Amino acid sequence: MGDLLEALHVRVVGTGDRILVLAHGFGTDQSAWQRILPYLNHHRVIMFDLVCAGSVNPDYFDFRRYTTLDAYVDDLLNILDTLGVNRCAYVGHSVSAMIGLLASIRRPDLFTKLILIGASPRFLNDEDYHGGFEEAEIDKVFRAMEANYEAWAYGYAPLAVGADVPAAVREFSRTLFNMRPDISLFVSKTVFDTDLRGILGLVRVPCVIIQTSKDVSVPVSVAEYLQRHLGGRNTVELLKIEGHLPHLSAPAIVGPVIRRALSR
């Protein structure tokens, strides 16, 4: 397991008594949290890179293993067990929000609270569910990624950031472009194949859902859906800002919201 800590660049910063895990989403790495860290100085913070991140040696990505989010849950729990963590709060962005939910079902006593940023149990629309995307739209995205990944990445980054924050667009473009194209496409397909609506009621850990008012990837209705269907005590923090990566584009707004959620 020591190899896993090294491979995924696990870092522990701060000296607080309470432990907080920060888990980044698709297309970024742990550097996405740098502007949030100053708001978390009362915690010992654990950060790591998902195995699909461009910062991780692509040889570690096993296409046979990472076919569902369960393998990412295994990585998360192995990291925490190796570090001797038996109680922590968790902040997960996008796909890592879902990884956190699954981990809390397996090990509910490990987590005190889940803070979910831009979370979605299913990104595709269904008969009675608006996830934000039609299947035909996603197939078009996959074709664009296959045809010219660099062009797709540089086009997608400003859409995802969604706000007029050039520094955030540059940063997201950098980490997105650093992903190996075949890994990026594979993970994208895994995410869009995922449907976790049926397990939400099994989550008993209190959740705080942080949602921006305009997010190209996650409609506000999805945050409301999560609040209704998650099994524990849940609240929604609806931020009057735009974008799927508010911790990158608006850290001065998101940082205090996370700190306040952790103090409840």
C-alpha atoms as a PDB file:
ATOM      1  CA  MET A   1       0.000   0.000   0.000  1.00  0.00           C
ATOM      2  CA  GLY A   2       2.971   2.297   0.419  1.00  0.00           C
ATOM      3  CA  ASP A   3       3.332   2.025  -3.352  1.00  0.00           C
ATOM      4  CA  LEU A   4      -0.232   3.316  -3.736  1.00  0.00           C
ATOM      5  CA  LEU A   5       0.532   6.383  -1.619  1.00  0.00           C
ATOM      6  CA  GLU A   6       3.511   7.136  -3.812  1.00  0.00           C
ATOM      7  CA  ALA A   7       1.764   6.380  -7.100  1.00  0.00           C
ATOM      8  CA  LEU A   8      -1.194   8.658  -6.317  1.00  0.00           C
ATOM      9  CA  HIS A   9       0.979  11.395  -4.788  1.00  0.00           C
ATOM     10  CA  VAL A  10      -0.762  11.290  -1.413  1.00  0.00           C
ATOM     11  CA  ARG A  11      -0.031  14.406   0.669  1.00  0.00           C
ATOM     12  CA  VAL A  12      -0.980  15.319   4.205  1.00  0.00           C
ATOM     13  CA  VAL A  13      -0.851  19.008   5.075  1.00  0.00           C
ATOM     14  CA  GLY A  14      -1.692  20.879   8.270  1.00  0.00           C
ATOM     15  CA  THR A  15      -1.659  19.825  11.908  1.00  0.00           C
ATOM     16  CA  GLY A  16      -5.295  20.085  12.959  1.00  0.00           C
ATOM     17  CA  ASP A  17      -6.949  17.451  15.123  1.00  0.00           C
ATOM     18  CA  ARG A  18      -9.707  16.792  12.602  1.00  0.00           C
ATOM     19  CA  ILE A  19      -8.965  15.027   9.341  1.00  0.00           C
ATOM     20  CA  LEU A  20     -10.374  16.176   6.019  1.00  0.00           C
ATOM     21  CA  VAL A  21     -10.003  14.426   2.657  1.00  0.00           C
ATOM     22  CA  LEU A  22     -10.072  16.486  -0.548  1.00  0.00           C
ATOM     23  CA  ALA A  23     -10.826  14.424  -3.679  1.00  0.00           C
ATOM     24  CA  HIS A  24     -10.683  16.118  -7.090  1.00  0.00           C
ATOM     25  CA  GLY A  25     -12.897  15.465 -10.105  1.00  0.00           C
ATOM     26  CA  PHE A  26     -12.359  14.403 -13.693  1.00  0.00           C
ATOM     27  CA  GLY A  27      -9.845  16.455 -15.652  1.00  0.00           C
ATOM     28  CA  THR A  28      -8.063  17.942 -12.649  1.00  0.00           C
ATOM     29  CA  ASP A  29      -5.613  16.764 -10.002  1.00  0.00           C
ATOM     30  CA  GLN A  30      -5.030  17.705  -6.368  1.00  0.00           C
ATOM     31  CA  SER A  31      -3.636  21.107  -7.426  1.00  0.00           C
ATOM     32  CA  ALA A  32      -7.281  22.133  -7.926  1.00  0.00           C
ATOM     33  CA  TRP A  33      -7.546  22.564  -4.136  1.00  0.00           C
ATOM     34  CA  GLN A  34      -4.630  24.959  -3.657  1.00  0.00           C
ATOM     35  CA  ARG A  35      -6.812  28.069  -3.375  1.00  0.00           C
ATOM     36  CA  ILE A  36      -9.161  26.310  -0.949  1.00  0.00           C
ATOM     37  CA  LEU A  37      -6.482  25.181   1.525  1.00  0.00           C
ATOM     38  CA  PRO A  38      -6.165  28.554   3.329  1.00  0.00           C
ATOM     39  CA  TYR A  39      -9.778  28.180   4.485  1.00  0.00           C
ATOM     40  CA  LEU A  40      -9.101  24.771   6.031  1.00  0.00           C
ATOM     41  CA  ASN A  41      -6.316  25.576   8.473  1.00  0.00           C
ATOM     42  CA  HIS A  42      -8.063  23.888  11.400  1.00  0.00           C
ATOM     43  CA  HIS A  43      -7.830  20.488   9.704  1.00  0.00           C
ATOM     44  CA  ARG A  44      -5.213  17.970   8.775  1.00  0.00           C
ATOM     45  CA  VAL A  45      -5.894  17.678   5.057  1.00  0.00           C
ATOM     46  CA  ILE A  46      -5.293  14.571   2.949  1.00  0.00           C
ATOM     47  CA  MET A  47      -5.016  15.078  -0.814  1.00  0.00           C
ATOM     48  CA  PHE A  48      -4.248  12.631  -3.598  1.00  0.00           C
ATOM     49  CA  ASP A  49      -4.540  12.257  -7.357  1.00  0.00           C
ATOM     50  CA  LEU A  50      -7.054   9.919  -8.942  1.00  0.00           C
ATOM     51  CA  VAL A  51      -5.278   7.195 -10.897  1.00  0.00           C
ATOM     52  CA  CYS A  52      -6.635   8.674 -14.148  1.00  0.00           C
ATOM     53  CA  ALA A  53      -5.156  12.126 -13.515  1.00  0.00           C
ATOM     54  CA  GLY A  54      -2.544  13.423 -15.913  1.00  0.00           C
ATOM     55  CA  SER A  55      -0.140  13.865 -12.993  1.00  0.00           C
ATOM     56  CA  VAL A  56      -0.081  10.088 -12.375  1.00  0.00           C
ATOM     57  CA  ASN A  57       2.091   7.689 -14.367  1.00  0.00           C
ATOM     58  CA  PRO A  58      -0.378   6.280 -16.936  1.00  0.00           C
ATOM     59  CA  ASP A  59       1.152   2.825 -16.495  1.00  0.00           C
ATOM     60  CA  TYR A  60      -0.761   2.623 -13.197  1.00  0.00           C
ATOM     61  CA  PHE A  61      -4.100   2.864 -14.991  1.00  0.00           C
ATOM     62  CA  ASP A  62      -5.511  -0.641 -15.441  1.00  0.00           C
ATOM     63  CA  PHE A  63      -8.234  -0.601 -18.104  1.00  0.00           C
ATOM     64  CA  ARG A  64      -9.531  -3.951 -16.830  1.00  0.00           C
ATOM     65  CA  ARG A  65      -9.859  -2.727 -13.251  1.00  0.00           C
ATOM     66  CA  TYR A  66     -11.212   0.821 -13.510  1.00  0.00           C
ATOM     67  CA  THR A  67     -14.376  -0.112 -15.380  1.00  0.00           C
ATOM     68  CA  THR A  68     -16.634   1.122 -12.551  1.00  0.00           C
ATOM     69  CA  LEU A  69     -16.289   3.598  -9.707  1.00  0.00           C
ATOM     70  CA  ASP A  70     -15.800   0.726  -7.239  1.00  0.00           C
ATOM     71  CA  ALA A  71     -12.089   0.483  -8.081  1.00  0.00           C
ATOM     72  CA  TYR A  72     -11.669   4.179  -7.241  1.00  0.00           C
ATOM     73  CA  VAL A  73     -13.474   3.540  -3.953  1.00  0.00           C
ATOM     74  CA  ASP A  74     -10.967   0.766  -3.240  1.00  0.00           C
ATOM     75  CA  ASP A  75      -8.116   3.234  -3.801  1.00  0.00           C
ATOM     76  CA  LEU A  76      -9.654   5.820  -1.478  1.00  0.00           C
ATOM     77  CA  LEU A  77     -10.268   3.346   1.337  1.00  0.00           C
ATOM     78  CA  ASN A  78      -6.819   1.807   0.930  1.00  0.00           C
ATOM     79  CA  ILE A  79      -5.241   5.261   1.253  1.00  0.00           C
ATOM     80  CA  LEU A  80      -7.175   6.021   4.440  1.00  0.00           C
ATOM     81  CA  ASP A  81      -6.459   2.614   5.949  1.00  0.00           C
ATOM     82  CA  THR A  82      -2.748   2.896   5.154  1.00  0.00           C
ATOM     83  CA  LEU A  83      -2.633   6.313   6.837  1.00  0.00           C
ATOM     84  CA  GLY A  84      -4.447   4.920   9.886  1.00  0.00           C
ATOM     85  CA  VAL A  85      -7.476   7.185   9.469  1.00  0.00           C
ATOM     86  CA  ASN A  86     -10.551   5.968  11.343  1.00  0.00           C
ATOM     87  CA  ARG A  87     -12.688   9.138  11.196  1.00  0.00           C
ATOM     88  CA  CYS A  88     -12.711  11.960   8.656  1.00  0.00           C
ATOM     89  CA  ALA A  89     -14.776  14.458   6.722  1.00  0.00           C
ATOM     90  CA  TYR A  90     -14.694  14.295   2.942  1.00  0.00           C
ATOM     91  CA  VAL A  91     -14.968  16.842   0.157  1.00  0.00           C
ATOM     92  CA  GLY A  92     -15.458  15.374  -3.314  1.00  0.00           C
ATOM     93  CA  HIS A  93     -15.855  17.175  -6.610  1.00  0.00           C
ATOM     94  CA  SER A  94     -17.960  15.743  -9.439  1.00  0.00           C
ATOM     95  CA  VAL A  95     -17.084  12.055  -9.929  1.00  0.00           C
ATOM     96  CA  SER A  96     -15.238  12.034  -6.592  1.00  0.00           C
ATOM     97  CA  ALA A  97     -18.453  13.128  -4.905  1.00  0.00           C
ATOM     98  CA  MET A  98     -19.966   9.857  -6.111  1.00  0.00           C
ATOM     99  CA  ILE A  99     -16.848   7.928  -5.060  1.00  0.00           C
ATOM    100  CA  GLY A 100     -17.319   9.390  -1.583  1.00  0.00           C
ATOM    101  CA  LEU A 101     -20.964   8.328  -1.449  1.00  0.00           C
ATOM    102  CA  LEU A 102     -20.052   4.765  -2.398  1.00  0.00           C
ATOM    103  CA  ALA A 103     -17.227   4.697   0.159  1.00  0.00           C
ATOM    104  CA  SER A 104     -19.597   5.894   2.883  1.00  0.00           C
ATOM    105  CA  ILE A 105     -22.010   3.053   2.128  1.00  0.00           C
ATOM    106  CA  ARG A 106     -19.209   0.546   2.563  1.00  0.00           C
ATOM    107  CA  ARG A 107     -17.740   2.233   5.649  1.00  0.00           C
ATOM    108  CA  PRO A 108     -20.298   4.580   7.219  1.00  0.00           C
ATOM    109  CA  ASP A 109     -18.367   4.855  10.495  1.00  0.00           C
ATOM    110  CA  LEU A 110     -15.327   6.227   8.674  1.00  0.00           C
ATOM    111  CA  PHE A 111     -16.993   9.471   7.540  1.00  0.00           C
ATOM    112  CA  THR A 112     -18.453  12.255   9.685  1.00  0.00           C
ATOM    113  CA  LYS A 113     -19.707  14.356   6.771  1.00  0.00           C
ATOM    114  CA  LEU A 114     -19.646  14.405   2.977  1.00  0.00           C
ATOM    115  CA  ILE A 115     -19.396  17.698   1.128  1.00  0.00           C
ATOM    116  CA  LEU A 116     -20.337  17.200  -2.509  1.00  0.00           C
ATOM    117  CA  ILE A 117     -19.413  19.796  -5.164  1.00  0.00           C
ATOM    118  CA  GLY A 118     -21.045  19.486  -8.583  1.00  0.00           C
ATOM    119  CA  ALA A 119     -22.301  16.006  -7.756  1.00  0.00           C
ATOM    120  CA  SER A 120     -24.508  13.915 -10.020  1.00  0.00           C
ATOM    121  CA  PRO A 121     -25.673  10.306  -9.650  1.00  0.00           C
ATOM    122  CA  ARG A 122     -26.426  10.171 -13.397  1.00  0.00           C
ATOM    123  CA  PHE A 123     -25.385  12.676 -16.053  1.00  0.00           C
ATOM    124  CA  LEU A 124     -27.747  11.319 -18.727  1.00  0.00           C
ATOM    125  CA  ASN A 125     -31.409  12.269 -18.974  1.00  0.00           C
ATOM    126  CA  ASP A 126     -34.011   9.615 -18.271  1.00  0.00           C
ATOM    127  CA  GLU A 127     -37.794   9.491 -18.579  1.00  0.00           C
ATOM    128  CA  ASP A 128     -38.458  11.158 -15.225  1.00  0.00           C
ATOM    129  CA  TYR A 129     -34.981  12.524 -14.535  1.00  0.00           C
ATOM    130  CA  HIS A 130     -33.082  15.482 -15.990  1.00  0.00           C
ATOM    131  CA  GLY A 131     -29.381  14.702 -15.721  1.00  0.00           C
ATOM    132  CA  GLY A 132     -28.335  17.342 -18.213  1.00  0.00           C
ATOM    133  CA  PHE A 133     -27.315  15.369 -21.310  1.00  0.00           C
ATOM    134  CA  GLU A 134     -28.951  13.339 -24.031  1.00  0.00           C
ATOM    135  CA  GLU A 135     -27.139  10.193 -25.162  1.00  0.00           C
ATOM    136  CA  ALA A 136     -26.679  11.592 -28.676  1.00  0.00           C
ATOM    137  CA  GLU A 137     -24.920  14.646 -27.249  1.00  0.00           C
ATOM    138  CA  ILE A 138     -22.486  12.480 -25.318  1.00  0.00           C
ATOM    139  CA  ASP A 139     -21.754  10.278 -28.326  1.00  0.00           C
ATOM    140  CA  LYS A 140     -20.838  13.469 -30.204  1.00  0.00           C
ATOM    141  CA  VAL A 141     -18.474  14.455 -27.373  1.00  0.00           C
ATOM    142  CA  PHE A 142     -16.791  11.048 -27.451  1.00  0.00           C
ATOM    143  CA  ARG A 143     -16.266  11.332 -31.197  1.00  0.00           C
ATOM    144  CA  ALA A 144     -14.717  14.760 -30.754  1.00  0.00           C
ATOM    145  CA  MET A 145     -12.362  13.439 -28.058  1.00  0.00           C
ATOM    146  CA  GLU A 146     -11.271  10.600 -30.355  1.00  0.00           C
ATOM    147  CA  ALA A 147     -10.820  12.820 -33.397  1.00  0.00           C
ATOM    148  CA  ASN A 148      -8.711  15.578 -31.816  1.00  0.00           C
ATOM    149  CA  TYR A 149      -8.271  15.423 -28.054  1.00  0.00           C
ATOM    150  CA  GLU A 150      -6.272  18.654 -27.799  1.00  0.00           C
ATOM    151  CA  ALA A 151      -8.921  20.648 -29.667  1.00  0.00           C
ATOM    152  CA  TRP A 152     -11.686  19.080 -27.575  1.00  0.00           C
ATOM    153  CA  ALA A 153      -9.859  19.815 -24.286  1.00  0.00           C
ATOM    154  CA  TYR A 154      -9.231  23.447 -25.116  1.00  0.00           C
ATOM    155  CA  GLY A 155     -12.838  23.857 -26.224  1.00  0.00           C
ATOM    156  CA  TYR A 156     -14.344  22.077 -23.229  1.00  0.00           C
ATOM    157  CA  ALA A 157     -12.330  23.831 -20.519  1.00  0.00           C
ATOM    158  CA  PRO A 158     -14.007  27.267 -20.781  1.00  0.00           C
ATOM    159  CA  LEU A 159     -17.445  25.637 -21.014  1.00  0.00           C
ATOM    160  CA  ALA A 160     -16.823  23.643 -17.836  1.00  0.00           C
ATOM    161  CA  VAL A 161     -15.344  26.565 -15.898  1.00  0.00           C
ATOM    162  CA  GLY A 162     -18.362  28.528 -17.088  1.00  0.00           C
ATOM    163  CA  ALA A 163     -17.231  31.817 -15.579  1.00  0.00           C
ATOM    164  CA  ASP A 164     -15.065  34.611 -16.950  1.00  0.00           C
ATOM    165  CA  VAL A 165     -11.997  33.617 -14.951  1.00  0.00           C
ATOM    166  CA  PRO A 166      -9.119  33.167 -17.414  1.00  0.00           C
ATOM    167  CA  ALA A 167      -6.724  31.809 -14.767  1.00  0.00           C
ATOM    168  CA  ALA A 168      -9.169  29.019 -13.894  1.00  0.00           C
ATOM    169  CA  VAL A 169      -9.677  28.194 -17.582  1.00  0.00           C
ATOM    170  CA  ARG A 170      -5.910  27.999 -18.085  1.00  0.00           C
ATOM    171  CA  GLU A 171      -5.480  25.781 -15.047  1.00  0.00           C
ATOM    172  CA  PHE A 172      -8.259  23.395 -16.019  1.00  0.00           C
ATOM    173  CA  SER A 173      -6.995  23.301 -19.611  1.00  0.00           C
ATOM    174  CA  ARG A 174      -3.554  22.347 -18.314  1.00  0.00           C
ATOM    175  CA  THR A 175      -4.686  19.412 -16.174  1.00  0.00           C
ATOM    176  CA  LEU A 176      -7.253  18.219 -18.709  1.00  0.00           C
ATOM    177  CA  PHE A 177      -4.693  18.260 -21.510  1.00  0.00           C
ATOM    178  CA  ASN A 178      -2.200  16.401 -19.288  1.00  0.00           C
ATOM    179  CA  MET A 179      -4.472  13.345 -19.232  1.00  0.00           C
ATOM    180  CA  ARG A 180      -3.578  10.690 -21.756  1.00  0.00           C
ATOM    181  CA  PRO A 181      -6.340  10.847 -24.372  1.00  0.00           C
ATOM    182  CA  ASP A 182      -7.268   7.154 -24.284  1.00  0.00           C
ATOM    183  CA  ILE A 183      -7.508   7.232 -20.478  1.00  0.00           C
ATOM    184  CA  SER A 184      -9.569  10.424 -20.557  1.00  0.00           C
ATOM    185  CA  LEU A 185     -12.013   8.909 -23.045  1.00  0.00           C
ATOM    186  CA  PHE A 186     -12.251   5.635 -21.109  1.00  0.00           C
ATOM    187  CA  VAL A 187     -12.964   7.424 -17.824  1.00  0.00           C
ATOM    188  CA  SER A 188     -15.507   9.713 -19.499  1.00  0.00           C
ATOM    189  CA  LYS A 189     -17.381   6.675 -20.784  1.00  0.00           C
ATOM    190  CA  THR A 190     -17.254   5.077 -17.323  1.00  0.00           C
ATOM    191  CA  VAL A 191     -18.692   8.215 -15.747  1.00  0.00           C
ATOM    192  CA  PHE A 192     -21.508   8.516 -18.288  1.00  0.00           C
ATOM    193  CA  ASP A 193     -22.322   4.810 -17.940  1.00  0.00           C
ATOM    194  CA  THR A 194     -22.698   5.242 -14.175  1.00  0.00           C
ATOM    195  CA  ASP A 195     -26.145   5.434 -12.597  1.00  0.00           C
ATOM    196  CA  LEU A 196     -26.112   5.622  -8.796  1.00  0.00           C
ATOM    197  CA  ARG A 197     -29.681   6.753  -8.265  1.00  0.00           C
ATOM    198  CA  GLY A 198     -30.639   3.377  -6.830  1.00  0.00           C
ATOM    199  CA  ILE A 199     -28.093   3.485  -3.982  1.00  0.00           C
ATOM    200  CA  LEU A 200     -28.631   7.039  -2.721  1.00  0.00           C
ATOM    201  CA  GLY A 201     -30.973   5.927   0.052  1.00  0.00           C
ATOM    202  CA  LEU A 202     -28.195   3.770   1.505  1.00  0.00           C
ATOM    203  CA  VAL A 203     -26.075   6.845   2.291  1.00  0.00           C
ATOM    204  CA  ARG A 204     -26.567   7.665   5.986  1.00  0.00           C
ATOM    205  CA  VAL A 205     -23.676  10.095   6.470  1.00  0.00           C
ATOM    206  CA  PRO A 206     -24.840  13.753   6.541  1.00  0.00           C
ATOM    207  CA  CYS A 207     -24.235  15.479   3.204  1.00  0.00           C
ATOM    208  CA  VAL A 208     -23.802  19.093   2.172  1.00  0.00           C
ATOM    209  CA  ILE A 209     -24.434  19.539  -1.562  1.00  0.00           C
ATOM    210  CA  ILE A 210     -22.659  22.562  -3.070  1.00  0.00           C
ATOM    211  CA  GLN A 211     -24.197  23.542  -6.385  1.00  0.00           C
ATOM    212  CA  THR A 212     -23.698  26.581  -8.601  1.00  0.00           C
ATOM    213  CA  SER A 213     -26.723  28.254 -10.150  1.00  0.00           C
ATOM    214  CA  LYS A 214     -25.442  27.544 -13.677  1.00  0.00           C
ATOM    215  CA  ASP A 215     -23.363  24.452 -14.372  1.00  0.00           C
ATOM    216  CA  VAL A 216     -22.992  23.048 -17.891  1.00  0.00           C
ATOM    217  CA  SER A 217     -22.601  19.529 -16.457  1.00  0.00           C
ATOM    218  CA  VAL A 218     -25.072  19.438 -13.548  1.00  0.00           C
ATOM    219  CA  PRO A 219     -28.474  21.175 -13.509  1.00  0.00           C
ATOM    220  CA  VAL A 220     -29.724  22.614 -10.218  1.00  0.00           C
ATOM    221  CA  SER A 221     -32.510  20.013 -10.332  1.00  0.00           C
ATOM    222  CA  VAL A 222     -29.877  17.298  -9.760  1.00  0.00           C
ATOM    223  CA  ALA A 223     -28.807  18.879  -6.459  1.00  0.00           C
ATOM    224  CA  GLU A 224     -32.459  18.953  -5.418  1.00  0.00           C
ATOM    225  CA  TYR A 225     -32.816  15.315  -6.482  1.00  0.00           C
ATOM    226  CA  LEU A 226     -29.826  14.358  -4.317  1.00  0.00           C
ATOM    227  CA  GLN A 227     -31.245  16.217  -1.331  1.00  0.00           C
ATOM    228  CA  ARG A 228     -34.542  14.332  -1.650  1.00  0.00           C
ATOM    229  CA  HIS A 229     -33.072  10.878  -2.190  1.00  0.00           C
ATOM    230  CA  LEU A 230     -29.948  10.660  -0.042  1.00  0.00           C
ATOM    231  CA  GLY A 231     -30.677   8.723   3.126  1.00  0.00           C
ATOM    232  CA  GLY A 232     -29.177  10.981   5.785  1.00  0.00           C
ATOM    233  CA  ARG A 233     -29.548  14.619   6.864  1.00  0.00           C
ATOM    234  CA  ASN A 234     -28.793  16.689   3.775  1.00  0.00           C
ATOM    235  CA  THR A 235     -28.605  20.351   2.869  1.00  0.00           C
ATOM    236  CA  VAL A 236     -28.029  22.194  -0.411  1.00  0.00           C
ATOM    237  CA  GLU A 237     -25.814  25.266  -0.661  1.00  0.00           C
ATOM    238  CA  LEU A 238     -26.873  26.957  -3.906  1.00  0.00           C
ATOM    239  CA  LEU A 239     -24.183  29.437  -4.934  1.00  0.00           C
ATOM    240  CA  LYS A 240     -25.107  32.380  -7.169  1.00  0.00           C
ATOM    241  CA  ILE A 241     -22.102  31.804  -9.406  1.00  0.00           C
ATOM    242  CA  GLU A 242     -21.469  29.863 -12.599  1.00  0.00           C
ATOM    243  CA  GLY A 243     -19.456  26.808 -13.510  1.00  0.00           C
ATOM    244  CA  HIS A 244     -18.681  23.197 -12.711  1.00  0.00           C
ATOM    245  CA  LEU A 245     -15.389  23.970 -10.942  1.00  0.00           C
ATOM    246  CA  PRO A 246     -16.209  26.708  -8.427  1.00  0.00           C
ATOM    247  CA  HIS A 247     -13.285  25.737  -6.181  1.00  0.00           C
ATOM    248  CA  LEU A 248     -11.054  26.813  -9.094  1.00  0.00           C
ATOM    249  CA  SER A 249     -13.044  29.792 -10.368  1.00  0.00           C
ATOM    250  CA  ALA A 250     -14.455  31.197  -7.100  1.00  0.00           C
ATOM    251  CA  PRO A 251     -12.379  29.926  -4.136  1.00  0.00           C
ATOM    252  CA  ALA A 252     -13.191  33.008  -2.047  1.00  0.00           C
ATOM    253  CA  ILE A 253     -16.846  31.972  -2.174  1.00  0.00           C
ATOM    254  CA  VAL A 254     -16.477  28.193  -1.981  1.00  0.00           C
ATOM    255  CA  GLY A 255     -13.784  28.131   0.726  1.00  0.00           C
ATOM    256  CA  PRO A 256     -15.948  29.755   3.422  1.00  0.00           C
ATOM    257  CA  VAL A 257     -18.912  27.564   2.445  1.00  0.00           C
ATOM    258  CA  ILE A 258     -16.808  24.423   2.973  1.00  0.00           C
ATOM    259  CA  ARG A 259     -15.435  25.766   6.262  1.00  0.00           C
ATOM    260  CA  ARG A 260     -18.938  26.596   7.492  1.00  0.00           C
ATOM    261  CA  ALA A 261     -20.225  23.147   6.463  1.00  0.00           C
ATOM    262  CA  LEU A 262     -17.431  21.480   8.404  1.00  0.00           C
ATOM    263  CA  SER A 263     -18.219  23.458  11.564  1.00  0.00           C
ATOM    264  CA  ARG A 264     -21.846  22.331  11.772  1.00  0.00           C
END
